[in-house]
């Protein structure tokens, strides 16, 4: 029984990895997207942009970032932790009104330079998968 509980805790605590593929024409294809074209990324997951080739450097340039760290630039090929920001956090991400207001993070894909944007619809941070323990301690509105 203890081994099963340890395994379930391990599985639920592993961060989900998501990718956004940068296409050769500088458009993107997210793993999961909304009708708006925004990528859907779970809070607490790890996110990376996959470049079409190594011949050029690509990055996602945010005005405000949902990624951990002080940077607003995410280099393609590197995983980043999705943590939201002070307005889109582990509490507000569950509230649908606050989520729609604060958890959208537009960015531009750039190629070879931060001054060479390709354009992209952005990232929408959503709640993580709900575990049994999470359901015990958080209630939905």
Foldseek 3Di string as FASTA:
>chain_A
DVVVVVVLVVVVLDAAEWEWEQDPLREIDTPDADPLQAHEAEAFHKYAYAYPDPPKWKWWAWPDAQFPDDHRIGTHPDITHGAFDPQCHQPQLLPVVSQVVGFWIFTFMAIRDPVRTPGGGTHRYHHDDADPVNPVVDPHD
